[in-house]
Amino acid sequence: MSATESIQVIDNKEKERFELHIDGHTAFAAYRVEGTTLFIDYVEAPPPLRGTGAAGRLMEGITTMARDHGQKIYPICSYAVSWMNRHPDQHDVLA
């Protein structure tokens, strides 16, 4: 992947998960929606993407999408909770 290649988070509504595809691998966050609240139940990055920042980029994309859709995020997964705690600039979408 080049530094200029765009990485975009995709909402795979059929599987109820957000996906980030990088170099043939997929990091994902399973979610459910209740009203305007987006519950992030589980975040997973496959071994080749661990330690690369992929899960963080996934969370950045999720917060942007939630903001754009007027949703609030309720993180359930320990990674999502930890990421939100480390990014107070994203707390405007925190439920």
PDB file of N, CA and C in Angstrom:
ATOM      1  N   MET A   1       0.849  -1.177   0.000  1.00  0.00           N
ATOM      2  CA  MET A   1       0.000   0.000   0.000  1.00  0.00           C
ATOM      3  C   MET A   1       0.890   1.233   0.000  1.00  0.00           C
ATOM      4  N   SER A   2       0.595   2.157  -0.884  1.00  0.00           N
ATOM      5  CA  SER A   2       1.385   3.379  -0.933  1.00  0.00           C
ATOM      6  C   SER A   2       0.850   4.384   0.068  1.00  0.00           C
ATOM      7  N   ALA A   3       1.695   5.354   0.395  1.00  0.00           N
ATOM      8  CA  ALA A   3       1.297   6.365   1.378  1.00  0.00           C
ATOM      9  C   ALA A   3       0.126   7.198   0.880  1.00  0.00           C
ATOM     10  N   THR A   4      -0.055   7.264  -0.429  1.00  0.00           N
ATOM     11  CA  THR A   4      -1.134   8.084  -0.981  1.00  0.00           C
ATOM     12  C   THR A   4      -2.406   7.285  -1.234  1.00  0.00           C
ATOM     13  N   GLU A   5      -2.349   5.971  -1.059  1.00  0.00           N
ATOM     14  CA  GLU A   5      -3.528   5.135  -1.281  1.00  0.00           C
ATOM     15  C   GLU A   5      -4.581   5.426  -0.222  1.00  0.00           C
ATOM     16  N   SER A   6      -5.797   5.617  -0.685  1.00  0.00           N
ATOM     17  CA  SER A   6      -6.892   5.928   0.224  1.00  0.00           C
ATOM     18  C   SER A   6      -7.365   4.656   0.927  1.00  0.00           C
ATOM     19  N   ILE A   7      -7.553   4.764   2.223  1.00  0.00           N
ATOM     20  CA  ILE A   7      -8.093   3.658   3.013  1.00  0.00           C
ATOM     21  C   ILE A   7      -9.457   4.102   3.502  1.00  0.00           C
ATOM     22  N   GLN A   8     -10.464   3.332   3.152  1.00  0.00           N
ATOM     23  CA  GLN A   8     -11.822   3.722   3.495  1.00  0.00           C
ATOM     24  C   GLN A   8     -12.522   2.612   4.263  1.00  0.00           C
ATOM     25  N   VAL A   9     -13.200   3.010   5.309  1.00  0.00           N
ATOM     26  CA  VAL A   9     -14.008   2.080   6.089  1.00  0.00           C
ATOM     27  C   VAL A   9     -15.332   1.883   5.366  1.00  0.00           C
ATOM     28  N   ILE A  10     -15.737   0.636   5.278  1.00  0.00           N
ATOM     29  CA  ILE A  10     -16.968   0.256   4.585  1.00  0.00           C
ATOM     30  C   ILE A  10     -17.961  -0.283   5.612  1.00  0.00           C
ATOM     31  N   ASP A  11     -19.214   0.124   5.497  1.00  0.00           N
ATOM     32  CA  ASP A  11     -20.278  -0.409   6.341  1.00  0.00           C
ATOM     33  C   ASP A  11     -20.889  -1.604   5.625  1.00  0.00           C
ATOM     34  N   ASN A  12     -20.545  -2.801   6.062  1.00  0.00           N
ATOM     35  CA  ASN A  12     -21.102  -4.018   5.491  1.00  0.00           C
ATOM     36  C   ASN A  12     -22.368  -4.344   6.289  1.00  0.00           C
ATOM     37  N   LYS A  13     -23.466  -3.739   5.859  1.00  0.00           N
ATOM     38  CA  LYS A  13     -24.733  -3.874   6.590  1.00  0.00           C
ATOM     39  C   LYS A  13     -25.210  -5.324   6.656  1.00  0.00           C
ATOM     40  N   GLU A  14     -24.943  -6.094   5.622  1.00  0.00           N
ATOM     41  CA  GLU A  14     -25.379  -7.490   5.588  1.00  0.00           C
ATOM     42  C   GLU A  14     -24.743  -8.301   6.723  1.00  0.00           C
ATOM     43  N   LYS A  15     -23.473  -8.041   7.011  1.00  0.00           N
ATOM     44  CA  LYS A  15     -22.768  -8.748   8.083  1.00  0.00           C
ATOM     45  C   LYS A  15     -22.779  -7.972   9.397  1.00  0.00           C
ATOM     46  N   GLU A  16     -23.407  -6.790   9.392  1.00  0.00           N
ATOM     47  CA  GLU A  16     -23.451  -5.910  10.564  1.00  0.00           C
ATOM     48  C   GLU A  16     -22.050  -5.669  11.121  1.00  0.00           C
ATOM     49  N   ARG A  17     -21.186  -5.207  10.231  1.00  0.00           N
ATOM     50  CA  ARG A  17     -19.836  -4.875  10.662  1.00  0.00           C
ATOM     51  C   ARG A  17     -19.232  -3.818   9.744  1.00  0.00           C
ATOM     52  N   PHE A  18     -18.346  -3.023  10.328  1.00  0.00           N
ATOM     53  CA  PHE A  18     -17.551  -2.084   9.561  1.00  0.00           C
ATOM     54  C   PHE A  18     -16.283  -2.823   9.166  1.00  0.00           C
ATOM     55  N   GLU A  19     -15.798  -2.567   7.951  1.00  0.00           N
ATOM     56  CA  GLU A  19     -14.624  -3.263   7.459  1.00  0.00           C
ATOM     57  C   GLU A  19     -13.594  -2.283   6.917  1.00  0.00           C
ATOM     58  N   LEU A  20     -12.335  -2.652   7.092  1.00  0.00           N
ATOM     59  CA  LEU A  20     -11.217  -1.909   6.531  1.00  0.00           C
ATOM     60  C   LEU A  20     -10.332  -2.937   5.846  1.00  0.00           C
ATOM     61  N   HIS A  21     -10.210  -2.831   4.530  1.00  0.00           N
ATOM     62  CA  HIS A  21      -9.444  -3.789   3.739  1.00  0.00           C
ATOM     63  C   HIS A  21      -8.071  -3.207   3.439  1.00  0.00           C
ATOM     64  N   ILE A  22      -7.030  -3.936   3.837  1.00  0.00           N
ATOM     65  CA  ILE A  22      -5.654  -3.504   3.606  1.00  0.00           C
ATOM     66  C   ILE A  22      -4.842  -4.710   3.133  1.00  0.00           C
ATOM     67  N   ASP A  23      -4.251  -4.576   1.970  1.00  0.00           N
ATOM     68  CA  ASP A  23      -3.341  -5.608   1.448  1.00  0.00           C
ATOM     69  C   ASP A  23      -3.926  -7.013   1.514  1.00  0.00           C
ATOM     70  N   GLY A  24      -5.196  -7.148   1.149  1.00  0.00           N
ATOM     71  CA  GLY A  24      -5.831  -8.458   1.123  1.00  0.00           C
ATOM     72  C   GLY A  24      -6.306  -8.977   2.473  1.00  0.00           C
ATOM     73  N   HIS A  25      -6.211  -8.147   3.511  1.00  0.00           N
ATOM     74  CA  HIS A  25      -6.664  -8.527   4.848  1.00  0.00           C
ATOM     75  C   HIS A  25      -7.773  -7.584   5.281  1.00  0.00           C
ATOM     76  N   THR A  26      -8.625  -8.051   6.186  1.00  0.00           N
ATOM     77  CA  THR A  26      -9.754  -7.249   6.634  1.00  0.00           C
ATOM     78  C   THR A  26      -9.773  -7.116   8.149  1.00  0.00           C
ATOM     79  N   ALA A  27      -9.698  -5.871   8.605  1.00  0.00           N
ATOM     80  CA  ALA A  27      -9.968  -5.567  10.009  1.00  0.00           C
ATOM     81  C   ALA A  27     -11.455  -5.222  10.064  1.00  0.00           C
ATOM     82  N   PHE A  28     -12.125  -5.604  11.144  1.00  0.00           N
ATOM     83  CA  PHE A  28     -13.555  -5.317  11.201  1.00  0.00           C
ATOM     84  C   PHE A  28     -14.014  -5.013  12.619  1.00  0.00           C
ATOM     85  N   ALA A  29     -15.164  -4.364  12.682  1.00  0.00           N
ATOM     86  CA  ALA A  29     -15.816  -4.076  13.958  1.00  0.00           C
ATOM     87  C   ALA A  29     -17.277  -4.494  13.831  1.00  0.00           C
ATOM     88  N   ALA A  30     -17.667  -5.492  14.608  1.00  0.00           N
ATOM     89  CA  ALA A  30     -19.059  -5.925  14.638  1.00  0.00           C
ATOM     90  C   ALA A  30     -19.861  -4.885  15.418  1.00  0.00           C
ATOM     91  N   TYR A  31     -21.046  -4.586  14.922  1.00  0.00           N
ATOM     92  CA  TYR A  31     -21.858  -3.563  15.574  1.00  0.00           C
ATOM     93  C   TYR A  31     -23.328  -3.934  15.565  1.00  0.00           C
ATOM     94  N   ARG A  32     -24.072  -3.182  16.357  1.00  0.00           N
ATOM     95  CA  ARG A  32     -25.537  -3.234  16.306  1.00  0.00           C
ATOM     96  C   ARG A  32     -26.036  -1.820  16.558  1.00  0.00           C
ATOM     97  N   VAL A  33     -27.189  -1.531  16.032  1.00  0.00           N
ATOM     98  CA  VAL A  33     -27.762  -0.195  16.150  1.00  0.00           C
ATOM     99  C   VAL A  33     -29.073  -0.276  16.905  1.00  0.00           C
ATOM    100  N   GLU A  34     -29.213   0.609  17.889  1.00  0.00           N
ATOM    101  CA  GLU A  34     -30.483   0.772  18.604  1.00  0.00           C
ATOM    102  C   GLU A  34     -30.795   2.254  18.590  1.00  0.00           C
ATOM    103  N   GLY A  35     -31.795   2.626  17.807  1.00  0.00           N
ATOM    104  CA  GLY A  35     -32.131   4.044  17.653  1.00  0.00           C
ATOM    105  C   GLY A  35     -30.978   4.761  16.974  1.00  0.00           C
ATOM    106  N   THR A  36     -30.436   5.767  17.657  1.00  0.00           N
ATOM    107  CA  THR A  36     -29.298   6.496  17.101  1.00  0.00           C
ATOM    108  C   THR A  36     -27.985   6.108  17.785  1.00  0.00           C
ATOM    109  N   THR A  37     -28.012   4.999  18.531  1.00  0.00           N
ATOM    110  CA  THR A  37     -26.807   4.539  19.216  1.00  0.00           C
ATOM    111  C   THR A  37     -26.202   3.363  18.467  1.00  0.00           C
ATOM    112  N   LEU A  38     -24.897   3.476  18.225  1.00  0.00           N
ATOM    113  CA  LEU A  38     -24.134   2.454  17.532  1.00  0.00           C
ATOM    114  C   LEU A  38     -23.281   1.730  18.573  1.00  0.00           C
ATOM    115  N   PHE A  39     -23.617   0.487  18.845  1.00  0.00           N
ATOM    116  CA  PHE A  39     -22.874  -0.315  19.810  1.00  0.00           C
ATOM    117  C   PHE A  39     -21.757  -1.053  19.074  1.00  0.00           C
ATOM    118  N   ILE A  40     -20.514  -0.836  19.500  1.00  0.00           N
ATOM    119  CA  ILE A  40     -19.377  -1.538  18.909  1.00  0.00           C
ATOM    120  C   ILE A  40     -19.087  -2.737  19.807  1.00  0.00           C
ATOM    121  N   ASP A  41     -19.528  -3.906  19.342  1.00  0.00           N
ATOM    122  CA  ASP A  41     -19.442  -5.118  20.146  1.00  0.00           C
ATOM    123  C   ASP A  41     -18.073  -5.786  20.109  1.00  0.00           C
ATOM    124  N   TYR A  42     -17.385  -5.678  18.981  1.00  0.00           N
ATOM    125  CA  TYR A  42     -16.147  -6.430  18.838  1.00  0.00           C
ATOM    126  C   TYR A  42     -15.297  -5.821  17.733  1.00  0.00           C
ATOM    127  N   VAL A  43     -14.014  -5.630  17.979  1.00  0.00           N
ATOM    128  CA  VAL A  43     -13.072  -5.144  16.969  1.00  0.00           C
ATOM    129  C   VAL A  43     -12.012  -6.216  16.790  1.00  0.00           C
ATOM    130  N   GLU A  44     -11.722  -6.553  15.544  1.00  0.00           N
ATOM    131  CA  GLU A  44     -10.751  -7.610  15.237  1.00  0.00           C
ATOM    132  C   GLU A  44      -9.857  -7.184  14.083  1.00  0.00           C
ATOM    133  N   ALA A  45      -8.567  -7.375  14.269  1.00  0.00           N
ATOM    134  CA  ALA A  45      -7.603  -7.204  13.189  1.00  0.00           C
ATOM    135  C   ALA A  45      -6.875  -8.541  13.036  1.00  0.00           C
ATOM    136  N   PRO A  46      -6.770  -9.051  11.804  1.00  0.00           N
ATOM    137  CA  PRO A  46      -6.061 -10.321  11.621  1.00  0.00           C
ATOM    138  C   PRO A  46      -4.578 -10.145  11.937  1.00  0.00           C
ATOM    139  N   PRO A  47      -3.891 -11.222  12.285  1.00  0.00           N
ATOM    140  CA  PRO A  47      -2.480 -11.125  12.686  1.00  0.00           C
ATOM    141  C   PRO A  47      -1.592 -10.268  11.775  1.00  0.00           C
ATOM    142  N   PRO A  48      -1.718 -10.350  10.437  1.00  0.00           N
ATOM    143  CA  PRO A  48      -0.833  -9.524   9.612  1.00  0.00           C
ATOM    144  C   PRO A  48      -1.052  -8.008   9.771  1.00  0.00           C
ATOM    145  N   LEU A  49      -2.218  -7.608  10.281  1.00  0.00           N
ATOM    146  CA  LEU A  49      -2.503  -6.177  10.452  1.00  0.00           C
ATOM    147  C   LEU A  49      -2.280  -5.691  11.879  1.00  0.00           C
ATOM    148  N   ARG A  50      -2.065  -6.600  12.797  1.00  0.00           N
ATOM    149  CA  ARG A  50      -1.871  -6.191  14.195  1.00  0.00           C
ATOM    150  C   ARG A  50      -0.582  -5.399  14.333  1.00  0.00           C
ATOM    151  N   GLY A  51      -0.658  -4.319  15.077  1.00  0.00           N
ATOM    152  CA  GLY A  51       0.507  -3.476  15.286  1.00  0.00           C
ATOM    153  C   GLY A  51       0.775  -2.491  14.158  1.00  0.00           C
ATOM    154  N   THR A  52      -0.110  -2.449  13.162  1.00  0.00           N
ATOM    155  CA  THR A  52       0.084  -1.549  12.025  1.00  0.00           C
ATOM    156  C   THR A  52      -0.754  -0.280  12.127  1.00  0.00           C
ATOM    157  N   GLY A  53      -1.622  -0.219  13.134  1.00  0.00           N
ATOM    158  CA  GLY A  53      -2.528   0.920  13.260  1.00  0.00           C
ATOM    159  C   GLY A  53      -3.838   0.726  12.524  1.00  0.00           C
ATOM    160  N   ALA A  54      -4.039  -0.445  11.941  1.00  0.00           N
ATOM    161  CA  ALA A  54      -5.257  -0.705  11.169  1.00  0.00           C
ATOM    162  C   ALA A  54      -6.518  -0.570  12.020  1.00  0.00           C
ATOM    163  N   ALA A  55      -6.503  -1.115  13.228  1.00  0.00           N
ATOM    164  CA  ALA A  55      -7.697  -1.039  14.087  1.00  0.00           C
ATOM    165  C   ALA A  55      -7.985   0.411  14.464  1.00  0.00           C
ATOM    166  N   GLY A  56      -6.963   1.197  14.677  1.00  0.00           N
ATOM    167  CA  GLY A  56      -7.145   2.616  14.970  1.00  0.00           C
ATOM    168  C   GLY A  56      -7.742   3.361  13.790  1.00  0.00           C
ATOM    169  N   ARG A  57      -7.266   3.052  12.577  1.00  0.00           N
ATOM    170  CA  ARG A  57      -7.845   3.683  11.383  1.00  0.00           C
ATOM    171  C   ARG A  57      -9.293   3.261  11.200  1.00  0.00           C
ATOM    172  N   LEU A  58      -9.584   2.007  11.551  1.00  0.00           N
ATOM    173  CA  LEU A  58     -10.960   1.527  11.506  1.00  0.00           C
ATOM    174  C   LEU A  58     -11.824   2.338  12.455  1.00  0.00           C
ATOM    175  N   MET A  59     -11.363   2.532  13.678  1.00  0.00           N
ATOM    176  CA  MET A  59     -12.123   3.312  14.665  1.00  0.00           C
ATOM    177  C   MET A  59     -12.291   4.767  14.211  1.00  0.00           C
ATOM    178  N   GLU A  60     -11.264   5.340  13.614  1.00  0.00           N
ATOM    179  CA  GLU A  60     -11.380   6.714  13.091  1.00  0.00           C
ATOM    180  C   GLU A  60     -12.487   6.793  12.051  1.00  0.00           C
ATOM    181  N   GLY A  61     -12.511   5.809  11.157  1.00  0.00           N
ATOM    182  CA  GLY A  61     -13.548   5.780  10.127  1.00  0.00           C
ATOM    183  C   GLY A  61     -14.937   5.601  10.717  1.00  0.00           C
ATOM    184  N   ILE A  62     -15.049   4.769  11.737  1.00  0.00           N
ATOM    185  CA  ILE A  62     -16.343   4.543  12.388  1.00  0.00           C
ATOM    186  C   ILE A  62     -16.831   5.822  13.050  1.00  0.00           C
ATOM    187  N   THR A  63     -15.944   6.537  13.735  1.00  0.00           N
ATOM    188  CA  THR A  63     -16.385   7.778  14.394  1.00  0.00           C
ATOM    189  C   THR A  63     -16.815   8.814  13.370  1.00  0.00           C
ATOM    190  N   THR A  64     -16.115   8.873  12.237  1.00  0.00           N
ATOM    191  CA  THR A  64     -16.503   9.810  11.176  1.00  0.00           C
ATOM    192  C   THR A  64     -17.879   9.452  10.631  1.00  0.00           C
ATOM    193  N   MET A  65     -18.102   8.167  10.375  1.00  0.00           N
ATOM    194  CA  MET A  65     -19.400   7.731   9.843  1.00  0.00           C
ATOM    195  C   MET A  65     -20.516   7.996  10.850  1.00  0.00           C
ATOM    196  N   ALA A  66     -20.261   7.715  12.128  1.00  0.00           N
ATOM    197  CA  ALA A  66     -21.276   7.963  13.161  1.00  0.00           C
ATOM    198  C   ALA A  66     -21.620   9.442  13.209  1.00  0.00           C
ATOM    199  N   ARG A  67     -20.611  10.284  13.186  1.00  0.00           N
ATOM    200  CA  ARG A  67     -20.823  11.731  13.217  1.00  0.00           C
ATOM    201  C   ARG A  67     -21.655  12.173  12.008  1.00  0.00           C
ATOM    202  N   ASP A  68     -21.297  11.664  10.834  1.00  0.00           N
ATOM    203  CA  ASP A  68     -22.011  12.025   9.598  1.00  0.00           C
ATOM    204  C   ASP A  68     -23.470  11.582   9.616  1.00  0.00           C
ATOM    205  N   HIS A  69     -23.774  10.513  10.377  1.00  0.00           N
ATOM    206  CA  HIS A  69     -25.146   9.983  10.423  1.00  0.00           C
ATOM    207  C   HIS A  69     -25.892  10.378  11.703  1.00  0.00           C
ATOM    208  N   GLY A  70     -25.304  11.270  12.494  1.00  0.00           N
ATOM    209  CA  GLY A  70     -25.970  11.727  13.713  1.00  0.00           C
ATOM    210  C   GLY A  70     -26.096  10.642  14.767  1.00  0.00           C
ATOM    211  N   GLN A  71     -25.147   9.708  14.789  1.00  0.00           N
ATOM    212  CA  GLN A  71     -25.193   8.612  15.750  1.00  0.00           C
ATOM    213  C   GLN A  71     -24.204   8.850  16.884  1.00  0.00           C
ATOM    214  N   LYS A  72     -24.441   8.169  17.989  1.00  0.00           N
ATOM    215  CA  LYS A  72     -23.527   8.144  19.120  1.00  0.00           C
ATOM    216  C   LYS A  72     -22.972   6.725  19.230  1.00  0.00           C
ATOM    217  N   ILE A  73     -21.731   6.615  19.664  1.00  0.00           N
ATOM    218  CA  ILE A  73     -21.072   5.318  19.787  1.00  0.00           C
ATOM    219  C   ILE A  73     -21.033   4.883  21.246  1.00  0.00           C
ATOM    220  N   TYR A  74     -21.437   3.645  21.474  1.00  0.00           N
ATOM    221  CA  TYR A  74     -21.325   3.026  22.786  1.00  0.00           C
ATOM    222  C   TYR A  74     -20.363   1.848  22.618  1.00  0.00           C
ATOM    223  N   PRO A  75     -19.105   2.026  23.028  1.00  0.00           N
ATOM    224  CA  PRO A  75     -18.139   0.951  22.848  1.00  0.00           C
ATOM    225  C   PRO A  75     -18.307  -0.144  23.899  1.00  0.00           C
ATOM    226  N   ILE A  76     -18.437  -1.375  23.445  1.00  0.00           N
ATOM    227  CA  ILE A  76     -18.541  -2.539  24.316  1.00  0.00           C
ATOM    228  C   ILE A  76     -17.175  -3.247  24.367  1.00  0.00           C
ATOM    229  N   CYS A  77     -16.597  -3.452  23.223  1.00  0.00           N
ATOM    230  CA  CYS A  77     -15.306  -4.122  23.077  1.00  0.00           C
ATOM    231  C   CYS A  77     -14.220  -3.361  23.833  1.00  0.00           C
ATOM    232  N   SER A  78     -13.352  -4.084  24.525  1.00  0.00           N
ATOM    233  CA  SER A  78     -12.305  -3.429  25.309  1.00  0.00           C
ATOM    234  C   SER A  78     -11.377  -2.587  24.437  1.00  0.00           C
ATOM    235  N   TYR A  79     -11.121  -3.026  23.199  1.00  0.00           N
ATOM    236  CA  TYR A  79     -10.271  -2.216  22.318  1.00  0.00           C
ATOM    237  C   TYR A  79     -10.969  -0.902  21.986  1.00  0.00           C
ATOM    238  N   ALA A  80     -12.255  -0.962  21.645  1.00  0.00           N
ATOM    239  CA  ALA A  80     -13.005   0.250  21.306  1.00  0.00           C
ATOM    240  C   ALA A  80     -13.062   1.208  22.487  1.00  0.00           C
ATOM    241  N   VAL A  81     -13.261   0.677  23.695  1.00  0.00           N
ATOM    242  CA  VAL A  81     -13.276   1.506  24.907  1.00  0.00           C
ATOM    243  C   VAL A  81     -11.922   2.184  25.083  1.00  0.00           C
ATOM    244  N   SER A  82     -10.855   1.413  24.964  1.00  0.00           N
ATOM    245  CA  SER A  82      -9.502   1.935  25.133  1.00  0.00           C
ATOM    246  C   SER A  82      -9.192   3.000  24.081  1.00  0.00           C
ATOM    247  N   TRP A  83      -9.573   2.731  22.833  1.00  0.00           N
ATOM    248  CA  TRP A  83      -9.316   3.688  21.755  1.00  0.00           C
ATOM    249  C   TRP A  83     -10.047   4.996  22.025  1.00  0.00           C
ATOM    250  N   MET A  84     -11.308   4.908  22.419  1.00  0.00           N
ATOM    251  CA  MET A  84     -12.074   6.125  22.712  1.00  0.00           C
ATOM    252  C   MET A  84     -11.448   6.893  23.877  1.00  0.00           C
ATOM    253  N   ASN A  85     -10.974   6.181  24.882  1.00  0.00           N
ATOM    254  CA  ASN A  85     -10.325   6.847  26.017  1.00  0.00           C
ATOM    255  C   ASN A  85      -9.060   7.583  25.594  1.00  0.00           C
ATOM    256  N   ARG A  86      -8.344   7.040  24.608  1.00  0.00           N
ATOM    257  CA  ARG A  86      -7.111   7.672  24.125  1.00  0.00           C
ATOM    258  C   ARG A  86      -7.362   8.805  23.130  1.00  0.00           C
ATOM    259  N   HIS A  87      -8.600   8.990  22.709  1.00  0.00           N
ATOM    260  CA  HIS A  87      -8.930   9.998  21.703  1.00  0.00           C
ATOM    261  C   HIS A  87     -10.074  10.904  22.181  1.00  0.00           C
ATOM    262  N   PRO A  88      -9.773  11.773  23.154  1.00  0.00           N
ATOM    263  CA  PRO A  88     -10.826  12.657  23.669  1.00  0.00           C
ATOM    264  C   PRO A  88     -11.398  13.588  22.601  1.00  0.00           C
ATOM    265  N   ASP A  89     -10.658  13.798  21.518  1.00  0.00           N
ATOM    266  CA  ASP A  89     -11.154  14.621  20.419  1.00  0.00           C
ATOM    267  C   ASP A  89     -12.339  13.965  19.695  1.00  0.00           C
ATOM    268  N   GLN A  90     -12.579  12.689  19.969  1.00  0.00           N
ATOM    269  CA  GLN A  90     -13.693  11.965  19.352  1.00  0.00           C
ATOM    270  C   GLN A  90     -14.886  11.809  20.296  1.00  0.00           C
ATOM    271  N   HIS A  91     -14.806  12.380  21.472  1.00  0.00           N
ATOM    272  CA  HIS A  91     -15.855  12.174  22.482  1.00  0.00           C
ATOM    273  C   HIS A  91     -17.193  12.819  22.131  1.00  0.00           C
ATOM    274  N   ASP A  92     -17.210  13.654  21.095  1.00  0.00           N
ATOM    275  CA  ASP A  92     -18.492  14.232  20.680  1.00  0.00           C
ATOM    276  C   ASP A  92     -19.447  13.164  20.174  1.00  0.00           C
ATOM    277  N   VAL A  93     -18.927  12.001  19.770  1.00  0.00           N
ATOM    278  CA  VAL A  93     -19.797  10.916  19.305  1.00  0.00           C
ATOM    279  C   VAL A  93     -19.938   9.803  20.339  1.00  0.00           C
ATOM    280  N   LEU A  94     -19.390  10.001  21.525  1.00  0.00           N
ATOM    281  CA  LEU A  94     -19.466   9.002  22.574  1.00  0.00           C
ATOM    282  C   LEU A  94     -20.824   9.062  23.269  1.00  0.00           C
ATOM    283  N   ALA A  95     -21.469   7.885  23.376  1.00  0.00           N
ATOM    284  CA  ALA A  95     -22.788   7.840  24.027  1.00  0.00           C
ATOM    285  C   ALA A  95     -22.622   7.902  25.536  1.00  0.00           C
TER     286      ALA A  95
END
